[in-house]
PDB file of N, CA and C in Angstrom:
ATOM      1  N   UNK A   1     -34.207  35.633 -22.939  1.00  0.00           N
ATOM      2  CA  UNK A   1     -33.012  36.060 -24.148  1.00  0.00           C
ATOM      3  C   UNK A   1     -31.768  36.453 -23.491  1.00  0.00           C
ATOM      4  N   UNK A   2     -30.332  36.285 -23.469  1.00  0.00           N
ATOM      5  CA  UNK A   2     -29.425  36.922 -23.073  1.00  0.00           C
ATOM      6  C   UNK A   2     -29.391  38.538 -23.765  1.00  0.00           C
ATOM      7  N   UNK A   3     -28.925  39.216 -22.609  1.00  0.00           N
ATOM      8  CA  UNK A   3     -29.199  40.942 -22.712  1.00  0.00           C
ATOM      9  C   UNK A   3     -27.666  41.106 -23.736  1.00  0.00           C
ATOM     10  N   UNK A   4     -27.858  41.837 -24.875  1.00  0.00           N
ATOM     11  CA  UNK A   4     -26.736  42.470 -25.770  1.00  0.00           C
ATOM     12  C   UNK A   4     -27.042  43.634 -25.667  1.00  0.00           C
ATOM     13  N   UNK A   5     -25.797  44.162 -25.171  1.00  0.00           N
ATOM     14  CA  UNK A   5     -25.511  45.872 -25.114  1.00  0.00           C
ATOM     15  C   UNK A   5     -24.840  46.256 -26.442  1.00  0.00           C
ATOM     16  N   UNK A   6     -25.114  47.730 -26.378  1.00  0.00           N
ATOM     17  CA  UNK A   6     -24.704  48.429 -27.744  1.00  0.00           C
ATOM     18  C   UNK A   6     -23.090  47.951 -28.214  1.00  0.00           C
ATOM     19  N   UNK A   7     -22.297  47.449 -27.431  1.00  0.00           N
ATOM     20  CA  UNK A   7     -20.885  47.149 -27.539  1.00  0.00           C
ATOM     21  C   UNK A   7     -21.113  45.699 -28.156  1.00  0.00           C
ATOM     22  N   UNK A   8     -21.813  44.799 -27.569  1.00  0.00           N
ATOM     23  CA  UNK A   8     -21.990  43.635 -28.147  1.00  0.00           C
ATOM     24  C   UNK A   8     -22.327  43.535 -30.109  1.00  0.00           C
ATOM     25  N   UNK A   9     -23.657  44.483 -29.927  1.00  0.00           N
ATOM     26  CA  UNK A   9     -24.309  44.553 -31.135  1.00  0.00           C
ATOM     27  C   UNK A   9     -23.202  44.870 -32.251  1.00  0.00           C
ATOM     28  N   UNK A  10     -22.597  46.252 -31.907  1.00  0.00           N
ATOM     29  CA  UNK A  10     -21.467  46.397 -32.618  1.00  0.00           C
ATOM     30  C   UNK A  10     -20.486  45.575 -33.079  1.00  0.00           C
ATOM     31  N   UNK A  11     -20.263  44.721 -31.900  1.00  0.00           N
ATOM     32  CA  UNK A  11     -19.317  43.788 -32.778  1.00  0.00           C
ATOM     33  C   UNK A  11     -19.677  43.072 -33.508  1.00  0.00           C
ATOM     34  N   UNK A  12     -21.049  42.337 -33.412  1.00  0.00           N
ATOM     35  CA  UNK A  12     -21.760  41.452 -34.114  1.00  0.00           C
ATOM     36  C   UNK A  12     -21.539  42.043 -35.807  1.00  0.00           C
ATOM     37  N   UNK A  13     -22.130  43.216 -35.718  1.00  0.00           N
ATOM     38  CA  UNK A  13     -22.260  44.253 -37.145  1.00  0.00           C
ATOM     39  C   UNK A  13     -20.995  43.962 -37.852  1.00  0.00           C
ATOM     40  N   UNK A  14     -19.914  44.274 -37.233  1.00  0.00           N
ATOM     41  CA  UNK A  14     -18.566  44.072 -37.728  1.00  0.00           C
ATOM     42  C   UNK A  14     -17.942  43.049 -38.355  1.00  0.00           C
ATOM     43  N   UNK A  15     -18.226  42.000 -37.148  1.00  0.00           N
ATOM     44  CA  UNK A  15     -17.852  40.637 -37.647  1.00  0.00           C
ATOM     45  C   UNK A  15     -18.548  40.198 -38.950  1.00  0.00           C
ATOM     46  N   UNK A  16     -20.002  40.135 -38.882  1.00  0.00           N
ATOM     47  CA  UNK A  16     -21.075  39.943 -40.097  1.00  0.00           C
ATOM     48  C   UNK A  16     -20.241  40.774 -41.306  1.00  0.00           C
ATOM     49  N   UNK A  17     -20.048  42.179 -41.146  1.00  0.00           N
ATOM     50  CA  UNK A  17     -19.541  42.697 -42.205  1.00  0.00           C
ATOM     51  C   UNK A  17     -18.234  41.978 -42.888  1.00  0.00           C
ATOM     52  N   UNK A  18     -17.488  42.250 -41.901  1.00  0.00           N
ATOM     53  CA  UNK A  18     -15.844  41.056 -42.244  1.00  0.00           C
ATOM     54  C   UNK A  18     -16.258  39.655 -43.165  1.00  0.00           C
ATOM     55  N   UNK A  19     -16.787  39.055 -42.582  1.00  0.00           N
ATOM     56  CA  UNK A  19     -17.190  37.669 -42.890  1.00  0.00           C
ATOM     57  C   UNK A  19     -17.989  37.541 -44.209  1.00  0.00           C
ATOM     58  N   UNK A  20     -18.598  38.304 -44.471  1.00  0.00           N
ATOM     59  CA  UNK A  20     -19.138  38.819 -45.960  1.00  0.00           C
ATOM     60  C   UNK A  20     -18.316  39.219 -46.788  1.00  0.00           C
ATOM     61  N   UNK A  21     -17.458  40.042 -46.448  1.00  0.00           N
ATOM     62  CA  UNK A  21     -16.352  40.589 -47.647  1.00  0.00           C
ATOM     63  C   UNK A  21     -15.473  39.289 -47.662  1.00  0.00           C
ATOM     64  N   UNK A  22     -14.828  38.748 -46.557  1.00  0.00           N
ATOM     65  CA  UNK A  22     -13.756  37.684 -46.631  1.00  0.00           C
ATOM     66  C   UNK A  22     -14.399  36.393 -47.229  1.00  0.00           C
ATOM     67  N   UNK A  23     -16.171  36.059 -47.385  1.00  0.00           N
ATOM     68  CA  UNK A  23     -16.228  34.989 -47.624  1.00  0.00           C
ATOM     69  C   UNK A  23     -15.640  33.621 -46.699  1.00  0.00           C
ATOM     70  N   UNK A  24     -15.365  33.861 -45.692  1.00  0.00           N
ATOM     71  CA  UNK A  24     -14.902  32.499 -44.925  1.00  0.00           C
ATOM     72  C   UNK A  24     -15.859  31.949 -43.995  1.00  0.00           C
ATOM     73  N   UNK A  25     -15.747  30.855 -43.745  1.00  0.00           N
ATOM     74  CA  UNK A  25     -16.363  29.913 -43.156  1.00  0.00           C
ATOM     75  C   UNK A  25     -16.147  30.321 -41.406  1.00  0.00           C
ATOM     76  N   UNK A  26     -18.212  30.700 -41.136  1.00  0.00           N
ATOM     77  CA  UNK A  26     -17.665  31.468 -39.636  1.00  0.00           C
ATOM     78  C   UNK A  26     -18.968  30.227 -38.740  1.00  0.00           C
ATOM     79  N   UNK A  27     -19.011  30.281 -37.281  1.00  0.00           N
ATOM     80  CA  UNK A  27     -19.723  29.862 -36.694  1.00  0.00           C
ATOM     81  C   UNK A  27     -20.771  30.910 -36.070  1.00  0.00           C
ATOM     82  N   UNK A  28     -21.949  30.691 -36.221  1.00  0.00           N
ATOM     83  CA  UNK A  28     -22.928  31.831 -35.961  1.00  0.00           C
ATOM     84  C   UNK A  28     -23.973  31.010 -34.725  1.00  0.00           C
ATOM     85  N   UNK A  29     -23.838  32.106 -33.569  1.00  0.00           N
ATOM     86  CA  UNK A  29     -24.493  31.219 -32.392  1.00  0.00           C
ATOM     87  C   UNK A  29     -25.640  32.298 -32.320  1.00  0.00           C
ATOM     88  N   UNK A  30     -26.923  31.510 -32.710  1.00  0.00           N
ATOM     89  CA  UNK A  30     -28.118  31.841 -31.859  1.00  0.00           C
ATOM     90  C   UNK A  30     -28.877  31.638 -30.733  1.00  0.00           C
ATOM     91  N   UNK A  31     -29.601  32.528 -30.570  1.00  0.00           N
ATOM     92  CA  UNK A  31     -30.717  32.090 -29.637  1.00  0.00           C
ATOM     93  C   UNK A  31     -32.085  32.199 -29.536  1.00  0.00           C
ATOM     94  N   UNK A  32     -32.404  30.810 -29.505  1.00  0.00           N
ATOM     95  CA  UNK A  32     -33.923  30.372 -30.058  1.00  0.00           C
ATOM     96  C   UNK A  32     -34.440  29.388 -28.909  1.00  0.00           C
ATOM     97  N   UNK A  33     -35.750  29.129 -28.809  1.00  0.00           N
ATOM     98  CA  UNK A  33     -36.988  28.680 -27.923  1.00  0.00           C
ATOM     99  C   UNK A  33     -35.904  28.590 -26.527  1.00  0.00           C
ATOM    100  N   UNK A  34     -35.271  29.423 -26.131  1.00  0.00           N
ATOM    101  CA  UNK A  34     -34.830  29.256 -24.718  1.00  0.00           C
ATOM    102  C   UNK A  34     -33.301  28.688 -24.564  1.00  0.00           C
ATOM    103  N   UNK A  35     -32.603  28.323 -25.744  1.00  0.00           N
ATOM    104  CA  UNK A  35     -31.523  27.651 -26.118  1.00  0.00           C
ATOM    105  C   UNK A  35     -30.729  28.403 -26.752  1.00  0.00           C
ATOM    106  N   UNK A  36     -29.277  28.146 -26.733  1.00  0.00           N
ATOM    107  CA  UNK A  36     -28.207  28.355 -27.894  1.00  0.00           C
ATOM    108  C   UNK A  36     -28.212  27.207 -28.989  1.00  0.00           C
ATOM    109  N   UNK A  37     -28.351  27.968 -30.252  1.00  0.00           N
ATOM    110  CA  UNK A  37     -28.047  26.906 -31.249  1.00  0.00           C
ATOM    111  C   UNK A  37     -26.640  27.253 -31.882  1.00  0.00           C
ATOM    112  N   UNK A  38     -26.037  26.666 -33.068  1.00  0.00           N
ATOM    113  CA  UNK A  38     -24.788  26.897 -33.432  1.00  0.00           C
ATOM    114  C   UNK A  38     -25.051  26.469 -34.877  1.00  0.00           C
ATOM    115  N   UNK A  39     -24.691  27.148 -36.082  1.00  0.00           N
ATOM    116  CA  UNK A  39     -24.575  26.743 -36.895  1.00  0.00           C
ATOM    117  C   UNK A  39     -23.034  27.519 -38.111  1.00  0.00           C
ATOM    118  N   UNK A  40     -22.797  26.866 -38.788  1.00  0.00           N
ATOM    119  CA  UNK A  40     -21.576  26.858 -39.500  1.00  0.00           C
ATOM    120  C   UNK A  40     -21.351  27.002 -40.714  1.00  0.00           C
ATOM    121  N   UNK A  41     -20.725  27.876 -41.542  1.00  0.00           N
ATOM    122  CA  UNK A  41     -20.871  27.865 -43.085  1.00  0.00           C
ATOM    123  C   UNK A  41     -20.392  29.311 -43.367  1.00  0.00           C
ATOM    124  N   UNK A  42     -20.958  29.772 -44.636  1.00  0.00           N
ATOM    125  CA  UNK A  42     -20.628  31.079 -45.205  1.00  0.00           C
ATOM    126  C   UNK A  42     -21.273  32.037 -45.408  1.00  0.00           C
ATOM    127  N   UNK A  43     -21.084  32.898 -44.690  1.00  0.00           N
ATOM    128  CA  UNK A  43     -22.493  34.061 -44.809  1.00  0.00           C
ATOM    129  C   UNK A  43     -22.416  34.677 -46.405  1.00  0.00           C
ATOM    130  N   UNK A  44     -23.777  34.637 -46.674  1.00  0.00           N
ATOM    131  CA  UNK A  44     -23.877  35.173 -48.363  1.00  0.00           C
ATOM    132  C   UNK A  44     -24.365  36.843 -48.147  1.00  0.00           C
ATOM    133  N   UNK A  45     -25.556  36.785 -47.494  1.00  0.00           N
ATOM    134  CA  UNK A  45     -25.800  38.526 -47.481  1.00  0.00           C
ATOM    135  C   UNK A  45     -26.481  38.489 -46.470  1.00  0.00           C
ATOM    136  N   UNK A  46     -27.183  39.866 -46.290  1.00  0.00           N
ATOM    137  CA  UNK A  46     -27.593  40.425 -45.183  1.00  0.00           C
ATOM    138  C   UNK A  46     -28.753  41.525 -45.840  1.00  0.00           C
ATOM    139  N   UNK A  47     -30.036  40.963 -45.168  1.00  0.00           N
ATOM    140  CA  UNK A  47     -31.210  41.553 -45.915  1.00  0.00           C
ATOM    141  C   UNK A  47     -31.909  42.381 -45.082  1.00  0.00           C
ATOM    142  N   UNK A  48     -31.933  43.877 -45.151  1.00  0.00           N
ATOM    143  CA  UNK A  48     -32.381  44.995 -44.466  1.00  0.00           C
ATOM    144  C   UNK A  48     -33.842  44.304 -44.370  1.00  0.00           C
ATOM    145  N   UNK A  49     -34.310  44.376 -45.444  1.00  0.00           N
ATOM    146  CA  UNK A  49     -35.865  44.074 -45.672  1.00  0.00           C
ATOM    147  C   UNK A  49     -36.528  42.947 -44.870  1.00  0.00           C
ATOM    148  N   UNK A  50     -35.974  41.526 -44.700  1.00  0.00           N
ATOM    149  CA  UNK A  50     -36.299  40.517 -44.073  1.00  0.00           C
ATOM    150  C   UNK A  50     -35.685  40.636 -42.757  1.00  0.00           C
ATOM    151  N   UNK A  51     -34.911  41.407 -42.347  1.00  0.00           N
ATOM    152  CA  UNK A  51     -33.948  41.295 -41.203  1.00  0.00           C
ATOM    153  C   UNK A  51     -33.602  40.208 -40.903  1.00  0.00           C
ATOM    154  N   UNK A  52     -32.400  39.516 -41.914  1.00  0.00           N
ATOM    155  CA  UNK A  52     -32.386  38.160 -41.752  1.00  0.00           C
ATOM    156  C   UNK A  52     -30.843  38.183 -42.451  1.00  0.00           C
ATOM    157  N   UNK A  53     -30.145  37.274 -42.313  1.00  0.00           N
ATOM    158  CA  UNK A  53     -28.870  36.671 -42.792  1.00  0.00           C
ATOM    159  C   UNK A  53     -29.146  35.447 -43.689  1.00  0.00           C
ATOM    160  N   UNK A  54     -28.309  35.171 -44.967  1.00  0.00           N
ATOM    161  CA  UNK A  54     -28.573  33.810 -45.467  1.00  0.00           C
ATOM    162  C   UNK A  54     -27.098  33.445 -45.287  1.00  0.00           C
ATOM    163  N   UNK A  55     -26.601  32.258 -45.281  1.00  0.00           N
ATOM    164  CA  UNK A  55     -25.610  31.381 -45.285  1.00  0.00           C
ATOM    165  C   UNK A  55     -25.530  30.299 -45.762  1.00  0.00           C
ATOM    166  N   UNK A  56     -24.596  29.454 -46.073  1.00  0.00           N
ATOM    167  CA  UNK A  56     -24.234  28.329 -47.108  1.00  0.00           C
ATOM    168  C   UNK A  56     -23.470  27.114 -46.038  1.00  0.00           C
ATOM    169  N   UNK A  57     -24.264  25.957 -46.232  1.00  0.00           N
ATOM    170  CA  UNK A  57     -23.289  24.803 -45.958  1.00  0.00           C
ATOM    171  C   UNK A  57     -23.488  23.881 -46.581  1.00  0.00           C
ATOM    172  N   UNK A  58     -22.939  22.754 -46.192  1.00  0.00           N
ATOM    173  CA  UNK A  58     -22.915  21.780 -47.264  1.00  0.00           C
ATOM    174  C   UNK A  58     -24.118  21.103 -47.388  1.00  0.00           C
ATOM    175  N   UNK A  59     -24.829  21.585 -47.170  1.00  0.00           N
ATOM    176  CA  UNK A  59     -26.559  21.216 -47.409  1.00  0.00           C
ATOM    177  C   UNK A  59     -27.681  22.153 -47.943  1.00  0.00           C
ATOM    178  N   UNK A  60     -26.777  23.095 -47.944  1.00  0.00           N
ATOM    179  CA  UNK A  60     -27.668  24.382 -48.787  1.00  0.00           C
ATOM    180  C   UNK A  60     -27.682  25.544 -47.968  1.00  0.00           C
ATOM    181  N   UNK A  61     -28.313  26.452 -48.681  1.00  0.00           N
ATOM    182  CA  UNK A  61     -28.785  27.922 -48.496  1.00  0.00           C
ATOM    183  C   UNK A  61     -29.638  27.997 -47.196  1.00  0.00           C
ATOM    184  N   UNK A  62     -29.836  28.708 -46.039  1.00  0.00           N
ATOM    185  CA  UNK A  62     -29.974  28.943 -45.032  1.00  0.00           C
ATOM    186  C   UNK A  62     -30.389  30.496 -44.575  1.00  0.00           C
ATOM    187  N   UNK A  63     -31.537  30.533 -43.977  1.00  0.00           N
ATOM    188  CA  UNK A  63     -31.724  31.963 -43.234  1.00  0.00           C
ATOM    189  C   UNK A  63     -32.072  32.060 -42.263  1.00  0.00           C
ATOM    190  N   UNK A  64     -31.190  33.041 -41.298  1.00  0.00           N
ATOM    191  CA  UNK A  64     -31.529  33.477 -39.952  1.00  0.00           C
ATOM    192  C   UNK A  64     -31.737  34.687 -39.656  1.00  0.00           C
ATOM    193  N   UNK A  65     -32.525  34.661 -38.826  1.00  0.00           N
ATOM    194  CA  UNK A  65     -33.431  36.078 -38.272  1.00  0.00           C
ATOM    195  C   UNK A  65     -32.105  36.924 -37.713  1.00  0.00           C
ATOM    196  N   UNK A  66     -31.844  38.213 -37.732  1.00  0.00           N
ATOM    197  CA  UNK A  66     -30.645  38.917 -37.402  1.00  0.00           C
ATOM    198  C   UNK A  66     -31.045  38.783 -36.144  1.00  0.00           C
ATOM    199  N   UNK A  67     -32.060  39.306 -35.359  1.00  0.00           N
ATOM    200  CA  UNK A  67     -32.381  39.320 -34.008  1.00  0.00           C
ATOM    201  C   UNK A  67     -31.964  37.936 -33.110  1.00  0.00           C
ATOM    202  N   UNK A  68     -31.818  37.158 -33.467  1.00  0.00           N
ATOM    203  CA  UNK A  68     -31.511  36.079 -32.877  1.00  0.00           C
ATOM    204  C   UNK A  68     -30.046  35.724 -32.800  1.00  0.00           C
ATOM    205  N   UNK A  69     -29.055  36.554 -33.627  1.00  0.00           N
ATOM    206  CA  UNK A  69     -27.683  36.043 -33.363  1.00  0.00           C
ATOM    207  C   UNK A  69     -27.294  36.848 -32.176  1.00  0.00           C
ATOM    208  N   UNK A  70     -26.244  35.826 -31.443  1.00  0.00           N
ATOM    209  CA  UNK A  70     -25.698  36.496 -30.371  1.00  0.00           C
ATOM    210  C   UNK A  70     -24.027  36.663 -30.637  1.00  0.00           C
ATOM    211  N   UNK A  71     -23.453  35.878 -31.574  1.00  0.00           N
ATOM    212  CA  UNK A  71     -21.971  35.995 -31.823  1.00  0.00           C
ATOM    213  C   UNK A  71     -21.827  35.183 -33.367  1.00  0.00           C
ATOM    214  N   UNK A  72     -20.595  35.585 -33.631  1.00  0.00           N
ATOM    215  CA  UNK A  72     -20.392  35.127 -35.017  1.00  0.00           C
ATOM    216  C   UNK A  72     -18.646  35.219 -34.903  1.00  0.00           C
ATOM    217  N   UNK A  73     -18.551  33.942 -35.354  1.00  0.00           N
ATOM    218  CA  UNK A  73     -16.681  33.617 -35.208  1.00  0.00           C
ATOM    219  C   UNK A  73     -16.121  33.108 -36.620  1.00  0.00           C
ATOM    220  N   UNK A  74     -15.293  33.572 -36.818  1.00  0.00           N
ATOM    221  CA  UNK A  74     -14.425  33.136 -38.048  1.00  0.00           C
ATOM    222  C   UNK A  74     -13.640  31.865 -37.967  1.00  0.00           C
ATOM    223  N   UNK A  75     -13.847  31.072 -38.445  1.00  0.00           N
ATOM    224  CA  UNK A  75     -13.137  29.352 -38.322  1.00  0.00           C
ATOM    225  C   UNK A  75     -11.829  29.575 -38.449  1.00  0.00           C
ATOM    226  N   UNK A  76     -11.079  30.283 -39.436  1.00  0.00           N
ATOM    227  CA  UNK A  76      -9.929  30.206 -39.211  1.00  0.00           C
ATOM    228  C   UNK A  76      -9.376  30.818 -40.395  1.00  0.00           C
TER     229      UNK A  76
END
């Protein structure tokens, strides 16, 4: 798994909070099974209990573990 430092984690946290507030479309980059995966959608919420986020795309609602997120980028 790529190593994230404290600055990277802070940037992900800030982008996550801003994206949830703006309800804008984002690209989420995750690391799973030794490769990067990309998801596009609108982040709905973050759960500290399940340590995950939910996002919605054209096929419905999905959940991603927070510890797999490598970056979040707003789409415009």
